[in-house]
Amino acid sequence: WDVLAAAGYAPAEVLARAITLVSHADADVREGALARVDAAGEGERGEALRALGLNPAHYPAKVLKCVGELEHTDGKVRKAAVQTLGKLPAEALAAHGAAVAAKLEDANEYVRRAAVETLGKLPAEALAAH
């Protein structure tokens, strides 16, 4: 992240890049991205999310962490992440519907069940997109 900042990227641009990597398949990339997101202030995070065309209300730091945990190697962690996203209001959950829908193909049956239960909380029109 320091390299991007040294190259002249604005803090919000660096953070926006980190946000796009919180669900990366590589655990080291995910952890680095989540660490950068955790270090950001609420204002900086909001600016970066808006730059990505995302509603900051749907992406607090804890939600970004859950999205990142959807790719964790431990099925129990993935299941917990899906269940935690399922506690979001429907509008916020809909913003993460694609990430949760991807867990319908998870190798772990408990993760798949959690994904079905979580997606069942979405209105039909939001589900149709997935």
Protein backbone atom coordinates (compact mmCIF):
# COMPACT_ATOMS: atom_id res chain seq x y z
CA TRP A 1 0.00 0.00 0.00
CA ASP A 2 2.93 2.27 0.72
CA VAL A 3 4.22 1.66 -2.80
CA LEU A 4 0.95 2.90 -4.28
CA ALA A 5 1.00 5.94 -2.03
CA ALA A 6 4.63 6.65 -2.99
CA ALA A 7 3.64 6.38 -6.65
CA GLY A 8 1.28 9.30 -6.15
CA TYR A 9 -2.02 7.55 -5.59
CA ALA A 10 -4.37 9.42 -3.28
CA PRO A 11 -5.22 7.66 0.02
CA ALA A 12 -8.79 7.02 -1.16
CA GLU A 13 -7.48 5.42 -4.37
CA VAL A 14 -5.17 3.13 -2.40
CA LEU A 15 -8.01 2.18 -0.07
CA ALA A 16 -10.37 1.61 -3.01
CA ARG A 17 -7.86 -0.87 -4.42
CA ALA A 18 -7.66 -2.61 -1.04
CA ILE A 19 -11.46 -2.83 -0.86
CA THR A 20 -11.57 -4.57 -4.23
CA LEU A 21 -9.14 -7.19 -2.88
CA VAL A 22 -10.89 -8.18 0.38
CA SER A 23 -12.43 -11.23 -1.31
CA HIS A 24 -9.30 -12.22 -3.26
CA ALA A 25 -8.62 -15.96 -3.49
CA ASP A 26 -5.13 -15.61 -2.01
CA ALA A 27 -5.24 -15.47 1.79
CA ASP A 28 -2.18 -13.19 2.04
CA VAL A 29 -3.73 -10.69 -0.37
CA ARG A 30 -7.02 -10.82 1.57
CA GLU A 31 -5.29 -10.28 4.90
CA GLY A 32 -3.26 -7.36 3.57
CA ALA A 33 -6.33 -5.76 2.06
CA LEU A 34 -8.35 -6.23 5.25
CA ALA A 35 -5.52 -4.75 7.32
CA ARG A 36 -5.52 -1.65 5.09
CA VAL A 37 -9.30 -1.36 5.33
CA ASP A 38 -9.18 -1.77 9.13
CA ALA A 39 -6.55 0.98 9.38
CA ALA A 40 -8.70 3.45 7.46
CA GLY A 41 -10.96 5.94 9.14
CA GLU A 42 -14.68 5.95 8.47
CA GLY A 43 -14.43 9.09 6.28
CA GLU A 44 -11.63 7.67 4.15
CA ARG A 45 -13.47 4.36 3.78
CA GLY A 46 -16.65 6.18 2.73
CA GLU A 47 -14.78 8.22 0.13
CA ALA A 48 -13.16 5.10 -1.32
CA LEU A 49 -16.47 3.22 -1.44
CA ARG A 50 -18.19 6.12 -3.19
CA ALA A 51 -15.32 6.22 -5.71
CA LEU A 52 -16.11 2.57 -6.46
CA GLY A 53 -19.80 3.43 -6.89
CA LEU A 54 -20.76 1.65 -3.65
CA ASN A 55 -23.01 2.84 -0.84
CA PRO A 56 -20.85 3.23 2.30
CA ALA A 57 -23.84 2.31 4.48
CA HIS A 58 -23.72 -1.21 3.01
CA TYR A 59 -19.99 -1.68 3.56
CA PRO A 60 -18.91 -0.90 7.13
CA ALA A 61 -15.52 -2.34 8.08
CA LYS A 62 -17.07 -5.39 9.75
CA VAL A 63 -19.04 -6.24 6.61
CA LEU A 64 -15.93 -5.92 4.45
CA LYS A 65 -14.20 -8.33 6.80
CA CYS A 66 -17.08 -10.82 6.44
CA VAL A 67 -16.92 -10.56 2.66
CA GLY A 68 -13.21 -11.35 2.86
CA GLU A 69 -13.85 -14.31 5.15
CA LEU A 70 -16.13 -15.90 2.54
CA GLU A 71 -12.94 -17.22 0.92
CA HIS A 72 -11.29 -18.46 4.12
CA THR A 73 -9.87 -21.99 4.01
CA ASP A 74 -11.87 -23.07 7.08
CA GLY A 75 -15.49 -23.95 6.29
CA LYS A 76 -16.61 -22.89 9.77
CA VAL A 77 -15.28 -19.38 9.12
CA ARG A 78 -16.99 -19.23 5.71
CA LYS A 79 -20.27 -20.39 7.27
CA ALA A 80 -20.02 -17.77 10.02
CA ALA A 81 -19.31 -15.07 7.43
CA VAL A 82 -22.39 -16.06 5.42
CA GLN A 83 -24.53 -16.12 8.56
CA THR A 84 -23.23 -12.73 9.67
CA LEU A 85 -24.05 -11.20 6.29
CA GLY A 86 -27.51 -12.71 6.71
CA LYS A 87 -28.06 -10.45 9.71
CA LEU A 88 -27.82 -7.33 7.55
CA PRO A 89 -30.96 -5.44 6.52
CA ALA A 90 -32.27 -6.73 3.16
CA GLU A 91 -31.04 -3.67 1.23
CA ALA A 92 -27.50 -4.08 2.55
CA LEU A 93 -27.60 -7.86 2.12
CA ALA A 94 -28.65 -7.43 -1.51
CA ALA A 95 -25.40 -5.55 -2.14
CA HIS A 96 -23.55 -8.76 -1.20
CA GLY A 97 -25.96 -11.18 -2.86
CA ALA A 98 -23.50 -12.28 -5.55
CA ALA A 99 -20.83 -13.12 -2.98
CA VAL A 100 -23.32 -15.13 -0.91
CA ALA A 101 -24.77 -16.82 -4.02
CA ALA A 102 -21.26 -17.99 -4.93
CA LYS A 103 -21.26 -19.97 -1.67
CA LEU A 104 -24.06 -22.16 -3.07
CA GLU A 105 -21.21 -23.97 -4.84
CA ASP A 106 -19.01 -24.25 -1.74
CA ALA A 107 -17.40 -27.62 -1.01
CA ASN A 108 -18.77 -27.52 2.56
CA GLU A 109 -22.44 -28.48 2.88
CA TYR A 110 -22.91 -26.28 5.97
CA VAL A 111 -21.69 -23.25 4.04
CA ARG A 112 -24.11 -24.08 1.23
CA ARG A 113 -27.00 -24.41 3.71
CA ALA A 114 -26.09 -21.09 5.32
CA ALA A 115 -26.03 -19.49 1.87
CA VAL A 116 -29.51 -20.82 1.08
CA GLU A 117 -30.86 -19.54 4.41
CA THR A 118 -29.20 -16.15 3.93
CA LEU A 119 -30.38 -15.72 0.35
CA GLY A 120 -33.88 -16.65 1.50
CA LYS A 121 -33.95 -13.38 3.43
CA LEU A 122 -33.79 -11.38 0.20
CA PRO A 123 -36.89 -10.18 -1.63
CA ALA A 124 -37.68 -12.02 -4.86
CA GLU A 125 -36.55 -9.14 -7.09
CA ALA A 126 -33.12 -9.06 -5.41
CA LEU A 127 -32.80 -12.84 -5.69
CA ALA A 128 -33.62 -12.78 -9.40
CA ALA A 129 -30.34 -10.97 -10.03
CA HIS A 130 -28.43 -14.02 -8.76
